[in-house]
């Protein structure tokens, strides 16, 4: 996974790219991976700040 951060006056933008080996995951597996990553980035990160 690659994270790109781009900061500006209004804040910081985060873009992440999931890199996989061939064959690429099917749609179901892709959605599952995105959900897991979203939980890791969003929910678990909030817990580290006590929110």
C-alpha atoms as a PDB file:
ATOM      1  CA  UNK A   1       0.000   0.000   0.000  1.00  0.00           C
ATOM      2  CA  UNK A   2       1.211   3.490  -0.838  1.00  0.00           C
ATOM      3  CA  UNK A   3       0.103   6.616   1.029  1.00  0.00           C
ATOM      4  CA  UNK A   4       0.364  10.061  -0.538  1.00  0.00           C
ATOM      5  CA  UNK A   5      -0.058  13.182   1.607  1.00  0.00           C
ATOM      6  CA  UNK A   6      -0.614  16.581   0.046  1.00  0.00           C
ATOM      7  CA  UNK A   7      -0.824  19.567   2.389  1.00  0.00           C
ATOM      8  CA  UNK A   8      -2.235  22.993   1.705  1.00  0.00           C
ATOM      9  CA  UNK A   9      -3.952  25.892   3.407  1.00  0.00           C
ATOM     10  CA  UNK A  10      -7.196  24.023   3.913  1.00  0.00           C
ATOM     11  CA  UNK A  11      -5.601  20.908   5.428  1.00  0.00           C
ATOM     12  CA  UNK A  12      -3.976  17.719   4.282  1.00  0.00           C
ATOM     13  CA  UNK A  13      -5.318  15.330   1.657  1.00  0.00           C
ATOM     14  CA  UNK A  14      -4.605  11.629   2.026  1.00  0.00           C
ATOM     15  CA  UNK A  15      -4.693   9.279  -0.949  1.00  0.00           C
ATOM     16  CA  UNK A  16      -3.896   5.614  -0.650  1.00  0.00           C
ATOM     17  CA  UNK A  17      -3.235   3.117  -3.402  1.00  0.00           C
ATOM     18  CA  UNK A  18      -3.587  -0.612  -2.910  1.00  0.00           C
ATOM     19  CA  UNK A  19      -0.927  -2.565  -4.800  1.00  0.00           C
ATOM     20  CA  UNK A  20      -1.517  -6.269  -5.386  1.00  0.00           C
ATOM     21  CA  UNK A  21       0.215  -9.049  -7.225  1.00  0.00           C
ATOM     22  CA  UNK A  22      -1.353 -10.665 -10.254  1.00  0.00           C
ATOM     23  CA  UNK A  23      -3.978 -11.921 -10.568  1.00  0.00           C
ATOM     24  CA  UNK A  24      -5.854  -8.884  -9.327  1.00  0.00           C
ATOM     25  CA  UNK A  25      -8.512  -9.528  -6.652  1.00  0.00           C
ATOM     26  CA  UNK A  26     -12.070 -10.042  -7.834  1.00  0.00           C
ATOM     27  CA  UNK A  27     -14.724  -7.429  -7.020  1.00  0.00           C
ATOM     28  CA  UNK A  28     -15.806  -9.069  -3.772  1.00  0.00           C
ATOM     29  CA  UNK A  29     -12.272  -9.390  -2.461  1.00  0.00           C
ATOM     30  CA  UNK A  30     -11.470  -5.828  -3.598  1.00  0.00           C
ATOM     31  CA  UNK A  31     -14.430  -4.424  -1.646  1.00  0.00           C
ATOM     32  CA  UNK A  32     -13.400  -6.437   1.413  1.00  0.00           C
ATOM     33  CA  UNK A  33      -9.824  -5.139   1.270  1.00  0.00           C
ATOM     34  CA  UNK A  34     -11.024  -1.544   0.880  1.00  0.00           C
ATOM     35  CA  UNK A  35     -13.335  -1.941   3.870  1.00  0.00           C
ATOM     36  CA  UNK A  36     -10.528  -3.324   6.030  1.00  0.00           C
ATOM     37  CA  UNK A  37      -8.182  -0.528   5.003  1.00  0.00           C
ATOM     38  CA  UNK A  38     -10.867   2.095   5.602  1.00  0.00           C
ATOM     39  CA  UNK A  39     -11.419   0.737   9.112  1.00  0.00           C
ATOM     40  CA  UNK A  40      -7.707   0.711   9.805  1.00  0.00           C
ATOM     41  CA  UNK A  41      -7.171   4.252   8.574  1.00  0.00           C
ATOM     42  CA  UNK A  42     -10.343   5.904   9.842  1.00  0.00           C
ATOM     43  CA  UNK A  43     -11.667   4.076  12.897  1.00  0.00           C
ATOM     44  CA  UNK A  44      -8.460   2.809  14.454  1.00  0.00           C
ATOM     45  CA  UNK A  45      -6.662   6.105  13.917  1.00  0.00           C
ATOM     46  CA  UNK A  46      -9.422   7.971  15.779  1.00  0.00           C
ATOM     47  CA  UNK A  47      -8.992   5.639  18.753  1.00  0.00           C
ATOM     48  CA  UNK A  48      -5.315   6.582  19.043  1.00  0.00           C
ATOM     49  CA  UNK A  49      -6.375  10.205  19.586  1.00  0.00           C
ATOM     50  CA  UNK A  50      -9.102   9.293  22.090  1.00  0.00           C
ATOM     51  CA  UNK A  51     -12.018  10.336  19.882  1.00  0.00           C
END
